[in-house]
C-alpha atoms as a PDB file:
ATOM      1  CA  UNK A   1     -20.718 -85.931 103.380  1.00  0.00           C
ATOM      2  CA  UNK A   2     -22.089 -85.479 106.837  1.00  0.00           C
ATOM      3  CA  UNK A   3     -25.095 -83.465 107.951  1.00  0.00           C
ATOM      4  CA  UNK A   4     -28.529 -84.279 109.263  1.00  0.00           C
ATOM      5  CA  UNK A   5     -30.390 -81.124 108.252  1.00  0.00           C
ATOM      6  CA  UNK A   6     -29.884 -78.080 106.065  1.00  0.00           C
ATOM      7  CA  UNK A   7     -29.274 -75.762 109.024  1.00  0.00           C
ATOM      8  CA  UNK A   8     -25.841 -77.194 109.655  1.00  0.00           C
ATOM      9  CA  UNK A   9     -23.003 -77.092 107.148  1.00  0.00           C
ATOM     10  CA  UNK A  10     -22.497 -79.939 104.734  1.00  0.00           C
ATOM     11  CA  UNK A  11     -18.852 -81.012 104.683  1.00  0.00           C
ATOM     12  CA  UNK A  12     -16.989 -83.125 102.149  1.00  0.00           C
ATOM     13  CA  UNK A  13     -13.347 -84.169 102.014  1.00  0.00           C
ATOM     14  CA  UNK A  14     -12.211 -84.557  98.418  1.00  0.00           C
ATOM     15  CA  UNK A  15      -8.931 -85.959  97.114  1.00  0.00           C
ATOM     16  CA  UNK A  16      -7.902 -84.871  93.642  1.00  0.00           C
ATOM     17  CA  UNK A  17      -9.157 -82.585  90.922  1.00  0.00           C
ATOM     18  CA  UNK A  18     -11.613 -85.112  89.478  1.00  0.00           C
ATOM     19  CA  UNK A  19     -13.311 -85.539  92.869  1.00  0.00           C
ATOM     20  CA  UNK A  20     -13.728 -81.735  93.023  1.00  0.00           C
ATOM     21  CA  UNK A  21     -15.261 -81.689  89.521  1.00  0.00           C
ATOM     22  CA  UNK A  22     -17.533 -84.627  90.423  1.00  0.00           C
ATOM     23  CA  UNK A  23     -18.681 -82.829  93.573  1.00  0.00           C
ATOM     24  CA  UNK A  24     -19.469 -79.755  91.473  1.00  0.00           C
ATOM     25  CA  UNK A  25     -21.536 -81.963  89.148  1.00  0.00           C
ATOM     26  CA  UNK A  26     -23.477 -83.352  92.108  1.00  0.00           C
ATOM     27  CA  UNK A  27     -24.114 -79.805  93.253  1.00  0.00           C
ATOM     28  CA  UNK A  28     -25.327 -78.943  89.736  1.00  0.00           C
ATOM     29  CA  UNK A  29     -27.993 -81.657  89.958  1.00  0.00           C
ATOM     30  CA  UNK A  30     -29.217 -80.122  93.214  1.00  0.00           C
ATOM     31  CA  UNK A  31     -29.141 -76.613  91.716  1.00  0.00           C
ATOM     32  CA  UNK A  32     -31.185 -77.719  88.711  1.00  0.00           C
ATOM     33  CA  UNK A  33     -34.001 -78.847  91.032  1.00  0.00           C
ATOM     34  CA  UNK A  34     -34.352 -75.414  92.652  1.00  0.00           C
ATOM     35  CA  UNK A  35     -36.868 -73.313  90.766  1.00  0.00           C
ATOM     36  CA  UNK A  36     -35.385 -69.948  91.671  1.00  0.00           C
ATOM     37  CA  UNK A  37     -32.206 -67.971  91.043  1.00  0.00           C
ATOM     38  CA  UNK A  38     -29.230 -68.888  93.209  1.00  0.00           C
ATOM     39  CA  UNK A  39     -26.188 -66.916  94.303  1.00  0.00           C
ATOM     40  CA  UNK A  40     -23.166 -68.960  95.369  1.00  0.00           C
ATOM     41  CA  UNK A  41     -20.050 -67.464  96.931  1.00  0.00           C
ATOM     42  CA  UNK A  42     -16.825 -69.456  96.656  1.00  0.00           C
ATOM     43  CA  UNK A  43     -14.174 -68.790  99.295  1.00  0.00           C
ATOM     44  CA  UNK A  44     -10.684 -70.186  99.580  1.00  0.00           C
ATOM     45  CA  UNK A  45      -7.045 -69.388  99.113  1.00  0.00           C
ATOM     46  CA  UNK A  46      -5.449 -69.081  95.696  1.00  0.00           C
ATOM     47  CA  UNK A  47      -5.366 -72.556  94.152  1.00  0.00           C
ATOM     48  CA  UNK A  48      -7.853 -74.035  96.608  1.00  0.00           C
ATOM     49  CA  UNK A  49     -10.188 -75.259  93.857  1.00  0.00           C
ATOM     50  CA  UNK A  50     -12.880 -72.595  93.472  1.00  0.00           C
ATOM     51  CA  UNK A  51     -12.702 -72.673  89.671  1.00  0.00           C
ATOM     52  CA  UNK A  52     -12.487 -76.479  89.682  1.00  0.00           C
ATOM     53  CA  UNK A  53     -15.781 -76.809  91.570  1.00  0.00           C
ATOM     54  CA  UNK A  54     -17.265 -74.125  89.296  1.00  0.00           C
ATOM     55  CA  UNK A  55     -16.190 -76.189  86.275  1.00  0.00           C
ATOM     56  CA  UNK A  56     -17.957 -79.222  87.743  1.00  0.00           C
ATOM     57  CA  UNK A  57     -21.122 -77.193  88.301  1.00  0.00           C
ATOM     58  CA  UNK A  58     -21.064 -75.783  84.778  1.00  0.00           C
ATOM     59  CA  UNK A  59     -20.395 -79.176  83.200  1.00  0.00           C
ATOM     60  CA  UNK A  60     -23.070 -80.729  85.390  1.00  0.00           C
ATOM     61  CA  UNK A  61     -25.514 -78.125  84.071  1.00  0.00           C
ATOM     62  CA  UNK A  62     -24.688 -79.101  80.498  1.00  0.00           C
ATOM     63  CA  UNK A  63     -21.781 -76.895  79.428  1.00  0.00           C
ATOM     64  CA  UNK A  64     -19.636 -78.869  76.981  1.00  0.00           C
ATOM     65  CA  UNK A  65     -16.726 -76.526  76.302  1.00  0.00           C
ATOM     66  CA  UNK A  66     -13.751 -75.462  78.334  1.00  0.00           C
ATOM     67  CA  UNK A  67     -14.295 -73.548  81.563  1.00  0.00           C
ATOM     68  CA  UNK A  68     -11.750 -70.845  82.100  1.00  0.00           C
ATOM     69  CA  UNK A  69     -11.295 -68.718  85.149  1.00  0.00           C
ATOM     70  CA  UNK A  70     -12.736 -65.234  84.603  1.00  0.00           C
ATOM     71  CA  UNK A  71      -9.796 -63.695  86.476  1.00  0.00           C
ATOM     72  CA  UNK A  72      -9.037 -61.188  83.731  1.00  0.00           C
ATOM     73  CA  UNK A  73     -12.534 -60.670  82.332  1.00  0.00           C
ATOM     74  CA  UNK A  74     -14.282 -60.562  85.761  1.00  0.00           C
ATOM     75  CA  UNK A  75     -17.221 -62.549  84.380  1.00  0.00           C
ATOM     76  CA  UNK A  76     -17.844 -65.440  82.014  1.00  0.00           C
ATOM     77  CA  UNK A  77     -21.448 -65.855  80.830  1.00  0.00           C
ATOM     78  CA  UNK A  78     -23.049 -69.197  79.992  1.00  0.00           C
ATOM     79  CA  UNK A  79     -26.451 -69.798  78.421  1.00  0.00           C
ATOM     80  CA  UNK A  80     -27.449 -73.249  79.642  1.00  0.00           C
ATOM     81  CA  UNK A  81     -30.599 -75.317  79.877  1.00  0.00           C
ATOM     82  CA  UNK A  82     -31.488 -73.879  83.289  1.00  0.00           C
ATOM     83  CA  UNK A  83     -31.028 -70.314  82.018  1.00  0.00           C
ATOM     84  CA  UNK A  84     -28.274 -67.730  82.249  1.00  0.00           C
ATOM     85  CA  UNK A  85     -25.307 -68.561  84.442  1.00  0.00           C
ATOM     86  CA  UNK A  86     -22.593 -66.067  85.326  1.00  0.00           C
ATOM     87  CA  UNK A  87     -19.235 -67.034  86.797  1.00  0.00           C
ATOM     88  CA  UNK A  88     -17.411 -64.130  88.425  1.00  0.00           C
ATOM     89  CA  UNK A  89     -13.829 -63.982  89.661  1.00  0.00           C
ATOM     90  CA  UNK A  90     -13.149 -60.800  91.606  1.00  0.00           C
ATOM     91  CA  UNK A  91      -9.522 -61.606  92.471  1.00  0.00           C
ATOM     92  CA  UNK A  92      -8.108 -58.734  90.405  1.00  0.00           C
ATOM     93  CA  UNK A  93     -10.836 -56.255  91.302  1.00  0.00           C
ATOM     94  CA  UNK A  94      -9.097 -53.203  92.786  1.00  0.00           C
ATOM     95  CA  UNK A  95     -12.184 -51.165  93.645  1.00  0.00           C
ATOM     96  CA  UNK A  96     -15.588 -52.692  94.372  1.00  0.00           C
ATOM     97  CA  UNK A  97     -17.238 -49.771  92.541  1.00  0.00           C
ATOM     98  CA  UNK A  98     -15.987 -51.350  89.295  1.00  0.00           C
ATOM     99  CA  UNK A  99     -18.892 -53.765  89.709  1.00  0.00           C
ATOM    100  CA  UNK A 100     -21.309 -50.888  89.209  1.00  0.00           C
ATOM    101  CA  UNK A 101     -19.575 -49.986  85.942  1.00  0.00           C
ATOM    102  CA  UNK A 102     -19.908 -53.494  84.511  1.00  0.00           C
ATOM    103  CA  UNK A 103     -23.621 -53.700  85.356  1.00  0.00           C
ATOM    104  CA  UNK A 104     -23.219 -56.209  88.171  1.00  0.00           C
ATOM    105  CA  UNK A 105     -26.790 -55.812  89.432  1.00  0.00           C
ATOM    106  CA  UNK A 106     -28.086 -56.517  85.910  1.00  0.00           C
ATOM    107  CA  UNK A 107     -26.154 -59.789  85.865  1.00  0.00           C
ATOM    108  CA  UNK A 108     -27.668 -60.744  89.212  1.00  0.00           C
ATOM    109  CA  UNK A 109     -31.211 -59.958  88.095  1.00  0.00           C
ATOM    110  CA  UNK A 110     -30.867 -61.900  84.799  1.00  0.00           C
ATOM    111  CA  UNK A 111     -29.205 -64.998  86.199  1.00  0.00           C
ATOM    112  CA  UNK A 112     -30.560 -68.373  87.174  1.00  0.00           C
ATOM    113  CA  UNK A 113     -27.181 -68.925  88.833  1.00  0.00           C
ATOM    114  CA  UNK A 114     -24.315 -66.619  89.780  1.00  0.00           C
ATOM    115  CA  UNK A 115     -21.084 -68.025  91.193  1.00  0.00           C
ATOM    116  CA  UNK A 116     -18.637 -65.522  92.644  1.00  0.00           C
ATOM    117  CA  UNK A 117     -15.012 -66.283  93.487  1.00  0.00           C
ATOM    118  CA  UNK A 118     -13.225 -63.848  95.820  1.00  0.00           C
ATOM    119  CA  UNK A 119     -16.519 -62.227  96.914  1.00  0.00           C
ATOM    120  CA  UNK A 120     -14.782 -60.259  99.663  1.00  0.00           C
ATOM    121  CA  UNK A 121     -13.319 -58.019  96.944  1.00  0.00           C
ATOM    122  CA  UNK A 122     -16.842 -56.971  95.949  1.00  0.00           C
ATOM    123  CA  UNK A 123     -17.528 -55.293  99.277  1.00  0.00           C
ATOM    124  CA  UNK A 124     -21.074 -54.075  99.832  1.00  0.00           C
ATOM    125  CA  UNK A 125     -22.037 -54.827  96.210  1.00  0.00           C
ATOM    126  CA  UNK A 126     -22.246 -58.530  97.030  1.00  0.00           C
ATOM    127  CA  UNK A 127     -25.715 -59.430  98.331  1.00  0.00           C
ATOM    128  CA  UNK A 128     -26.510 -62.152 100.847  1.00  0.00           C
ATOM    129  CA  UNK A 129     -25.801 -65.473  99.090  1.00  0.00           C
ATOM    130  CA  UNK A 130     -27.956 -68.544  98.997  1.00  0.00           C
ATOM    131  CA  UNK A 131     -24.937 -70.818  99.437  1.00  0.00           C
ATOM    132  CA  UNK A 132     -21.453 -70.168 100.648  1.00  0.00           C
ATOM    133  CA  UNK A 133     -18.763 -72.688  99.731  1.00  0.00           C
ATOM    134  CA  UNK A 134     -15.537 -72.621 101.716  1.00  0.00           C
ATOM    135  CA  UNK A 135     -12.613 -74.634 100.384  1.00  0.00           C
ATOM    136  CA  UNK A 136      -9.413 -75.315 102.291  1.00  0.00           C
ATOM    137  CA  UNK A 137      -6.434 -77.627 102.047  1.00  0.00           C
ATOM    138  CA  UNK A 138      -6.922 -80.749 104.120  1.00  0.00           C
ATOM    139  CA  UNK A 139      -4.405 -83.580 104.336  1.00  0.00           C
ATOM    140  CA  UNK A 140      -3.784 -84.649 100.722  1.00  0.00           C
ATOM    141  CA  UNK A 141      -6.949 -83.042  99.346  1.00  0.00           C
ATOM    142  CA  UNK A 142      -9.523 -80.377 100.050  1.00  0.00           C
ATOM    143  CA  UNK A 143     -12.151 -79.819 102.681  1.00  0.00           C
ATOM    144  CA  UNK A 144     -15.311 -78.308 101.195  1.00  0.00           C
ATOM    145  CA  UNK A 145     -17.901 -76.803 103.532  1.00  0.00           C
ATOM    146  CA  UNK A 146     -21.275 -75.653 102.208  1.00  0.00           C
ATOM    147  CA  UNK A 147     -23.352 -73.274 104.314  1.00  0.00           C
ATOM    148  CA  UNK A 148     -26.937 -72.420 103.388  1.00  0.00           C
ATOM    149  CA  UNK A 149     -27.675 -68.726 103.847  1.00  0.00           C
ATOM    150  CA  UNK A 150     -31.293 -68.721 102.582  1.00  0.00           C
ATOM    151  CA  UNK A 151     -34.283 -71.011 102.152  1.00  0.00           C
ATOM    152  CA  UNK A 152     -33.182 -71.675  98.551  1.00  0.00           C
ATOM    153  CA  UNK A 153     -29.730 -72.578  99.823  1.00  0.00           C
ATOM    154  CA  UNK A 154     -31.254 -74.957 102.369  1.00  0.00           C
ATOM    155  CA  UNK A 155     -33.347 -76.578  99.633  1.00  0.00           C
ATOM    156  CA  UNK A 156     -30.209 -77.021  97.551  1.00  0.00           C
ATOM    157  CA  UNK A 157     -28.403 -78.771 100.426  1.00  0.00           C
ATOM    158  CA  UNK A 158     -31.412 -81.004 101.018  1.00  0.00           C
ATOM    159  CA  UNK A 159     -31.382 -81.980  97.326  1.00  0.00           C
ATOM    160  CA  UNK A 160     -27.634 -82.588  97.471  1.00  0.00           C
ATOM    161  CA  UNK A 161     -28.044 -85.028 100.355  1.00  0.00           C
ATOM    162  CA  UNK A 162     -30.810 -87.047  98.665  1.00  0.00           C
END
């Protein structure tokens, strides 16, 4: 990981699924130290590892069961030690107004953490995130770039680098 302050992206190159899960767990430790709700957007092509990092975050926050992609359900709720966590996957969303029908804003207001895969499909319903995670193929693994978009996001990156 390379960055000297929270205003510049934090970048990690990760080889293999376990490294992605481990990185998610490290991120979970940073998230748990932030005493405010967080919104994380996960960007990347199909199969890039968005759900894998999400699994690492959820396991790092204490979830013991399986973590499945909410591709068909749109959202998977988790009640963890830090509070309510919602994992969204908007890949199959055909109209962003569907978010209004499922009570999307209620999820956001109740959550300690919301992670959203395929946020571009949510259009204007997706608020400014605290963290944006961009995942791309890189050599034999993945390049993960974290960008803080708020003070809470910056605090999270600072915690991650400690």
